[in-house]
Amino acid sequence: MSISETNKRIWDDFVPDYVDERVEKVLAMLPRATAEPEYLDIGCSTGGATLLVAGRIGAKTVKGIDFVHTEEARKRGVDAIDCDLNSGNPLPYEDKSFHLVTCMETLEHLHDTDFLLSEIHRVLRDDGTAIIDIPRLDSMMNVLLLLFGFQPPGVECSTVGRYGAINSGSILTGHISYFTKRAFKEILKSSGFTILKFDQSGQKSDWEAVQAKLGRTPGTMARLLWSLYDIFPFKKDYMIMKVSKEVR
């Protein structure tokens, strides 16, 4: 089974259509709206977060691209198209088409991450902004779990189960590319971007939303441990970068 087929199997069965802290941080990073900006969301899924962003910036055109749940996105009003981002094919848009490009929780599902970043650079206007967020490999949680011999969440060794993980009963993620903060900054700069702002978010709100969607009621001890962990102000679980094209 290919990378894309594996991801499709995972996400056909689970729709991440909730708003967590990570999405809120992305919304807080949005640039000031230009006159009716053109907006592209790469990895739009059902279009829920796409429309939140579009509403905040008053987008004239709202386009999305993914290979799962795009029919639902189209029903909601997103001009979404089906595309396998692991195919190596260019994005089906002209150069310098968009004022804003978002790529939320998508880059880690791709093998050729450099190619997608080069495509984001190509379709972004010279005065445009891109916001990209991904899980952090060197998060405090991952460091602690490795210290105690657990497989970190989202760093999987199988497409069947979360072997060796402390949360073995949770859903698979299908992640295949992993980034430390240093690696994320370096690949963005190598792709021709200037980093405008960095932010991070914890995984607690995401975990709570997933448990609710799975119909589970977390125990008191689990909720207490998550709350204590969420206090740490550094090395959070998700990294969010706001970038522009490098001025040459």
Protein backbone atom coordinates (compact mmCIF):
# COMPACT_ATOMS: atom_id res chain seq x y z
CA MET A 1 0.00 0.00 0.00
CA SER A 2 1.43 3.40 -1.00
CA ILE A 3 1.98 6.34 1.34
CA SER A 4 -1.07 8.13 -0.02
CA GLU A 5 -3.31 5.05 0.14
CA THR A 6 -2.31 4.53 3.77
CA ASN A 7 -3.10 8.14 4.65
CA LYS A 8 -6.42 7.96 2.82
CA ARG A 9 -7.40 4.84 4.74
CA ILE A 10 -6.61 6.55 8.03
CA TRP A 11 -8.36 9.85 7.32
CA ASP A 12 -11.39 8.40 5.54
CA ASP A 13 -12.27 6.86 8.89
CA PHE A 14 -11.55 9.93 11.03
CA VAL A 15 -12.50 13.49 10.15
CA PRO A 16 -10.37 16.10 12.00
CA ASP A 17 -12.97 18.86 11.73
CA TYR A 18 -12.52 20.35 15.19
CA VAL A 19 -10.91 23.65 16.18
CA ASP A 20 -8.09 23.21 18.67
CA GLU A 21 -5.38 25.49 20.07
CA ARG A 22 -3.25 24.94 16.98
CA VAL A 23 -5.97 26.29 14.66
CA GLU A 24 -6.54 29.24 16.99
CA LYS A 25 -2.82 30.08 16.83
CA VAL A 26 -2.94 29.96 13.01
CA LEU A 27 -5.92 32.33 13.02
CA ALA A 28 -4.02 34.71 15.31
CA MET A 29 -1.13 34.80 12.81
CA LEU A 30 -3.18 35.81 9.79
CA PRO A 31 -1.92 38.88 7.92
CA ARG A 32 -3.97 42.01 7.57
CA ALA A 33 -6.51 41.56 4.83
CA THR A 34 -5.79 43.09 1.45
CA ALA A 35 -8.63 43.99 -0.90
CA GLU A 36 -10.38 40.64 -1.50
CA PRO A 37 -7.31 38.38 -1.18
CA GLU A 38 -6.88 35.11 -3.05
CA TYR A 39 -6.46 32.22 -0.61
CA LEU A 40 -5.29 28.59 -0.98
CA ASP A 41 -5.44 25.95 1.75
CA ILE A 42 -3.21 22.93 1.08
CA GLY A 43 -4.62 19.94 2.96
CA CYS A 44 -8.07 21.48 3.32
CA SER A 45 -9.94 18.26 4.26
CA THR A 46 -13.61 19.16 4.92
CA GLY A 47 -12.91 22.87 4.64
CA GLY A 48 -13.83 23.74 8.21
CA ALA A 49 -10.58 25.49 9.13
CA THR A 50 -10.30 26.80 5.57
CA LEU A 51 -13.52 28.76 5.92
CA LEU A 52 -12.50 30.12 9.32
CA VAL A 53 -9.34 31.56 7.76
CA ALA A 54 -11.20 32.83 4.69
CA GLY A 55 -13.75 34.61 6.86
CA ARG A 56 -11.08 36.32 8.94
CA ILE A 57 -9.27 37.76 5.90
CA GLY A 58 -12.34 38.40 3.74
CA ALA A 59 -11.04 36.19 0.93
CA LYS A 60 -12.42 36.78 -2.54
CA THR A 61 -11.34 33.34 -3.77
CA VAL A 62 -11.12 30.31 -1.47
CA LYS A 63 -9.39 27.30 -2.99
CA GLY A 64 -8.45 24.03 -1.36
CA ILE A 65 -6.54 20.92 -2.29
CA ASP A 66 -6.53 17.48 -0.69
CA PHE A 67 -7.38 13.88 -1.49
CA VAL A 68 -9.85 13.20 1.32
CA HIS A 69 -13.14 14.90 2.24
CA THR A 70 -12.96 17.38 -0.66
CA GLU A 71 -16.59 16.72 -1.58
CA GLU A 72 -17.63 17.96 1.85
CA ALA A 73 -15.38 21.01 1.42
CA ARG A 74 -17.06 21.79 -1.92
CA LYS A 75 -20.49 21.52 -0.30
CA ARG A 76 -19.37 24.11 2.22
CA GLY A 77 -18.30 26.53 -0.51
CA VAL A 78 -14.58 25.84 -0.86
CA ASP A 79 -13.33 25.45 -4.43
CA ALA A 80 -11.59 22.21 -3.49
CA ILE A 81 -9.93 19.77 -5.86
CA ASP A 82 -8.67 16.23 -5.38
CA CYS A 83 -4.91 15.88 -5.62
CA ASP A 84 -2.36 13.39 -4.32
CA LEU A 85 0.33 15.64 -2.88
CA ASN A 86 2.73 12.69 -2.88
CA SER A 87 2.45 12.32 -6.66
CA GLY A 88 5.25 14.77 -7.41
CA ASN A 89 3.00 16.73 -9.76
CA PRO A 90 2.99 20.55 -9.57
CA LEU A 91 0.07 22.25 -7.90
CA PRO A 92 -2.55 23.06 -10.57
CA TYR A 93 -2.27 26.83 -10.12
CA GLU A 94 -0.44 29.61 -11.93
CA ASP A 95 2.67 31.26 -10.54
CA LYS A 96 2.07 34.02 -7.98
CA SER A 97 -1.67 33.31 -7.71
CA PHE A 98 -2.31 33.70 -3.97
CA HIS A 99 -1.97 36.36 -1.30
CA LEU A 100 -2.21 33.70 1.42
CA VAL A 101 -1.35 29.99 1.45
CA THR A 102 -1.91 27.81 4.50
CA CYS A 103 -0.61 24.27 4.92
CA MET A 104 -1.87 22.91 8.21
CA GLU A 105 -0.84 19.47 9.48
CA THR A 106 0.02 18.30 5.97
CA LEU A 107 3.76 18.53 5.33
CA GLU A 108 4.50 15.68 7.74
CA HIS A 109 2.42 13.32 5.56
CA LEU A 110 4.66 13.84 2.53
CA HIS A 111 7.92 12.26 1.47
CA ASP A 112 9.15 15.05 -0.82
CA THR A 113 8.64 17.97 1.54
CA ASP A 114 11.09 20.16 -0.38
CA PHE A 115 8.96 19.89 -3.52
CA LEU A 116 5.74 21.01 -1.83
CA LEU A 117 7.52 23.94 -0.20
CA SER A 118 8.93 24.94 -3.59
CA GLU A 119 5.40 24.80 -4.99
CA ILE A 120 4.07 26.98 -2.16
CA HIS A 121 6.83 29.45 -2.97
CA ARG A 122 5.89 29.34 -6.67
CA VAL A 123 2.15 29.98 -6.25
CA LEU A 124 2.61 32.64 -3.55
CA ARG A 125 2.60 36.26 -4.65
CA ASP A 126 5.74 38.28 -4.02
CA ASP A 127 3.87 40.24 -1.35
CA GLY A 128 2.08 37.15 -0.04
CA THR A 129 2.20 35.21 3.22
CA ALA A 130 2.24 31.49 3.97
CA ILE A 131 1.45 29.84 7.30
CA ILE A 132 2.65 26.28 7.81
CA ASP A 133 2.23 24.14 10.90
CA ILE A 134 3.58 20.68 11.69
CA PRO A 135 4.20 18.43 14.71
CA ARG A 136 7.48 18.94 16.53
CA LEU A 137 9.81 15.94 16.76
CA ASP A 138 11.84 17.44 19.63
CA SER A 139 8.82 18.39 21.73
CA MET A 140 9.07 18.02 25.49
CA MET A 141 6.56 15.16 25.33
CA ASN A 142 8.58 13.22 22.78
CA VAL A 143 11.83 13.76 24.68
CA LEU A 144 10.27 12.49 27.92
CA LEU A 145 8.61 9.50 26.28
CA LEU A 146 11.88 8.49 24.60
CA LEU A 147 13.62 8.80 27.96
CA PHE A 148 11.22 6.20 29.38
CA GLY A 149 11.42 3.93 26.33
CA PHE A 150 8.09 4.76 24.66
CA GLN A 151 7.52 5.36 20.96
CA PRO A 152 6.46 9.04 20.67
CA PRO A 153 2.96 9.82 19.35
CA GLY A 154 2.94 10.51 15.63
CA VAL A 155 6.32 8.79 15.16
CA GLU A 156 5.02 5.43 14.04
CA CYS A 157 6.80 2.25 12.98
CA SER A 158 3.73 0.60 11.47
CA THR A 159 0.63 1.28 9.39
CA VAL A 160 -1.34 -1.18 11.50
CA GLY A 161 -0.86 -0.15 15.13
CA ARG A 162 0.91 2.26 17.45
CA TYR A 163 3.44 -0.26 18.70
CA GLY A 164 5.49 0.77 21.70
CA ALA A 165 3.40 3.89 22.31
CA ILE A 166 1.95 5.00 25.61
CA ASN A 167 -1.32 5.70 23.74
CA SER A 168 -1.46 2.46 21.75
CA GLY A 169 -5.25 2.64 21.51
CA SER A 170 -5.27 5.98 19.71
CA ILE A 171 -5.66 6.54 15.98
CA LEU A 172 -2.74 6.30 13.59
CA THR A 173 -1.44 9.52 12.07
CA GLY A 174 0.31 8.40 8.89
CA HIS A 175 3.23 10.77 9.47
CA ILE A 176 6.33 10.01 7.41
CA SER A 177 8.44 13.19 7.75
CA TYR A 178 9.63 14.52 11.09
CA PHE A 179 10.96 17.96 12.00
CA THR A 180 12.84 19.45 14.89
CA LYS A 181 12.53 23.22 15.22
CA ARG A 182 16.01 23.60 13.77
CA ALA A 183 15.15 21.42 10.75
CA PHE A 184 11.87 23.26 10.14
CA LYS A 185 13.61 26.65 10.09
CA GLU A 186 16.40 25.42 7.84
CA ILE A 187 14.14 23.79 5.24
CA LEU A 188 11.98 26.92 5.06
CA LYS A 189 15.02 29.13 4.50
CA SER A 190 16.39 26.67 1.94
CA SER A 191 13.06 26.89 0.10
CA GLY A 192 13.39 30.66 -0.26
CA PHE A 193 11.28 31.86 2.65
CA THR A 194 11.87 34.48 5.32
CA ILE A 195 10.47 33.54 8.71
CA LEU A 196 8.23 36.31 10.01
CA LYS A 197 6.89 34.70 13.17
CA PHE A 198 7.13 31.45 15.12
CA ASP A 199 4.54 30.11 17.54
CA GLN A 200 3.73 26.79 19.10
CA SER A 201 0.80 24.99 20.68
CA GLY A 202 0.31 22.03 22.97
CA GLN A 203 -1.45 18.80 22.17
CA LYS A 204 -3.92 18.86 25.06
CA SER A 205 -6.79 20.49 23.17
CA ASP A 206 -6.22 18.19 20.19
CA TRP A 207 -6.20 15.14 22.48
CA GLU A 208 -9.45 16.25 24.14
CA ALA A 209 -11.13 16.77 20.77
CA VAL A 210 -10.01 13.36 19.49
CA GLN A 211 -11.30 11.64 22.64
CA ALA A 212 -14.66 13.37 22.23
CA LYS A 213 -14.93 12.31 18.57
CA LEU A 214 -14.09 8.72 19.54
CA GLY A 215 -16.79 8.81 22.22
CA ARG A 216 -14.34 8.31 25.05
CA THR A 217 -14.40 9.89 28.51
CA PRO A 218 -10.83 10.36 29.78
CA GLY A 219 -10.15 9.47 33.39
CA THR A 220 -9.33 12.03 36.06
CA MET A 221 -5.66 11.04 36.23
CA ALA A 222 -5.21 11.32 32.45
CA ARG A 223 -6.78 14.78 32.42
CA LEU A 224 -4.64 15.88 35.36
CA LEU A 225 -1.43 14.70 33.71
CA TRP A 226 -2.32 16.47 30.47
CA SER A 227 -3.08 19.69 32.36
CA LEU A 228 0.25 19.53 34.21
CA TYR A 229 2.13 18.87 30.98
CA ASP A 230 0.37 21.71 29.21
CA ILE A 231 1.87 24.17 31.70
CA PHE A 232 5.35 23.80 30.15
CA PRO A 233 5.88 27.01 28.12
CA PHE A 234 8.54 25.62 25.76
CA LYS A 235 9.06 22.76 23.28
CA LYS A 236 5.33 22.42 22.64
CA ASP A 237 3.95 19.72 20.34
CA TYR A 238 3.09 21.76 17.24
CA MET A 239 5.19 24.40 15.47
CA ILE A 240 3.59 27.19 13.44
CA MET A 241 5.62 29.35 11.08
CA LYS A 242 4.47 32.48 9.29
CA VAL A 243 6.69 33.15 6.29
CA SER A 244 7.05 35.37 3.26
CA LYS A 245 9.15 35.12 0.14
CA GLU A 246 12.77 35.97 0.74
CA VAL A 247 13.70 39.40 -0.53
CA ARG A 248 16.54 38.99 -3.01
